[in-house]
Amino acid sequence: MITLTDRARTELDAYFSDKERSPIRVYLAPGGCSGPRLALALDEPGEEDKVFEPGGYTFCVNDALLERSMGFAVTSEVQIGGGGGGCSGCGSSSSCCG
């Protein structure tokens, strides 16, 4: 099951305000200094996905990832559709983007 916080829903509403809503994939992205991390991308669900529809948005998660990652949260340090800045080295006070 996937739930959306009020802030996540507000960010998604803002991002999709001028475009058609697309399904959102939760996936395991290769990591930098901290190892793999969960990430989001616009993508259609496949046969090996579980689909969730909280708050009018469609999320898909691969079955294998879902079994391994029960109880996870996806958080963002950058607002959807905005942000900027770049990555900096792992030795700095900024986060790694590897």
Protein backbone atom coordinates (compact mmCIF):
# COMPACT_ATOMS: atom_id res chain seq x y z
CA MET A 1 0.00 0.00 0.00
CA ILE A 2 1.20 3.50 -0.79
CA THR A 3 -0.03 6.59 0.99
CA LEU A 4 0.60 10.23 0.11
CA THR A 5 1.30 12.96 2.60
CA ASP A 6 -0.49 16.26 2.12
CA ARG A 7 2.78 17.83 0.99
CA ALA A 8 3.44 15.06 -1.57
CA ARG A 9 -0.06 15.47 -2.99
CA THR A 10 0.43 19.25 -3.21
CA GLU A 11 3.74 18.77 -5.05
CA LEU A 12 2.21 16.24 -7.46
CA ASP A 13 -0.80 18.50 -8.07
CA ALA A 14 1.57 21.36 -8.90
CA TYR A 15 3.75 19.21 -11.17
CA PHE A 16 0.80 17.81 -13.15
CA SER A 17 -1.18 21.09 -13.21
CA ASP A 18 -0.30 21.74 -16.86
CA LYS A 19 0.21 18.18 -18.10
CA GLU A 20 -1.59 14.87 -18.26
CA ARG A 21 -1.15 12.66 -15.21
CA SER A 22 1.16 9.73 -15.87
CA PRO A 23 1.81 6.67 -13.72
CA ILE A 24 4.71 7.10 -11.30
CA ARG A 25 7.23 4.29 -10.82
CA VAL A 26 9.00 3.75 -7.51
CA TYR A 27 12.29 2.02 -8.31
CA LEU A 28 15.70 1.22 -6.89
CA ALA A 29 18.28 3.55 -8.45
CA PRO A 30 22.00 3.00 -8.25
CA GLY A 31 23.48 5.10 -5.50
CA GLY A 32 26.58 7.08 -4.96
CA CYS A 33 28.31 7.18 -1.61
CA SER A 34 25.30 5.87 0.30
CA GLY A 35 24.48 2.95 -1.98
CA PRO A 36 21.20 2.32 -3.82
CA ARG A 37 18.26 4.60 -3.15
CA LEU A 38 14.57 4.68 -3.99
CA ALA A 39 13.65 7.04 -6.80
CA LEU A 40 10.60 8.07 -8.82
CA ALA A 41 10.06 8.22 -12.58
CA LEU A 42 7.12 8.52 -14.94
CA ASP A 43 6.52 5.04 -16.38
CA GLU A 44 3.73 2.67 -17.32
CA PRO A 45 3.09 -0.35 -15.08
CA GLY A 46 4.30 -3.74 -16.30
CA GLU A 47 3.18 -7.30 -15.67
CA GLU A 48 5.52 -7.69 -12.67
CA ASP A 49 4.28 -4.55 -10.91
CA LYS A 50 1.84 -3.87 -8.14
CA VAL A 51 -0.28 -0.81 -8.82
CA PHE A 52 -1.54 1.59 -6.15
CA GLU A 53 -3.81 4.61 -6.66
CA PRO A 54 -3.70 6.90 -3.65
CA GLY A 55 -5.12 10.39 -3.98
CA GLY A 56 -5.93 10.02 -7.68
CA TYR A 57 -2.34 9.19 -8.70
CA THR A 58 -1.14 5.85 -10.07
CA PHE A 59 2.04 4.37 -8.59
CA CYS A 60 3.71 1.18 -9.76
CA VAL A 61 6.31 -0.83 -7.88
CA ASN A 62 8.02 -4.00 -9.08
CA ASP A 63 6.85 -7.01 -7.04
CA ALA A 64 10.41 -8.03 -6.08
CA LEU A 65 11.28 -4.53 -4.84
CA LEU A 66 8.04 -4.32 -2.91
CA GLU A 67 8.74 -7.63 -1.15
CA ARG A 68 12.26 -6.49 -0.15
CA SER A 69 11.33 -2.94 0.81
CA MET A 70 8.24 -3.15 2.97
CA GLY A 71 7.86 -0.14 5.21
CA PHE A 72 9.90 2.32 3.15
CA ALA A 73 9.31 6.02 2.60
CA VAL A 74 10.31 8.10 -0.41
CA THR A 75 11.34 11.59 0.55
CA SER A 76 12.64 14.42 -1.56
CA GLU A 77 15.05 17.18 -0.78
CA VAL A 78 14.06 18.91 -4.02
CA GLN A 79 10.54 19.99 -4.94
CA ILE A 80 9.06 18.25 -7.96
CA GLY A 81 9.21 20.42 -11.05
CA GLY A 82 11.68 22.77 -9.47
CA GLY A 83 14.87 22.78 -7.66
CA GLY A 84 18.18 23.27 -9.14
CA GLY A 85 21.62 23.26 -7.88
CA GLY A 86 23.93 20.53 -8.78
CA CYS A 87 25.65 17.71 -7.13
CA SER A 88 28.74 18.28 -5.15
CA GLY A 89 31.42 15.96 -3.99
CA CYS A 90 30.80 13.44 -1.27
CA GLY A 91 33.19 15.22 1.02
CA SER A 92 31.06 18.34 1.14
CA SER A 93 28.10 19.16 3.34
CA SER A 94 25.70 18.64 0.42
CA SER A 95 24.15 15.31 -0.40
CA CYS A 96 25.71 12.92 -2.90
CA CYS A 97 23.90 12.49 -6.20
CA GLY A 98 26.05 9.68 -7.65
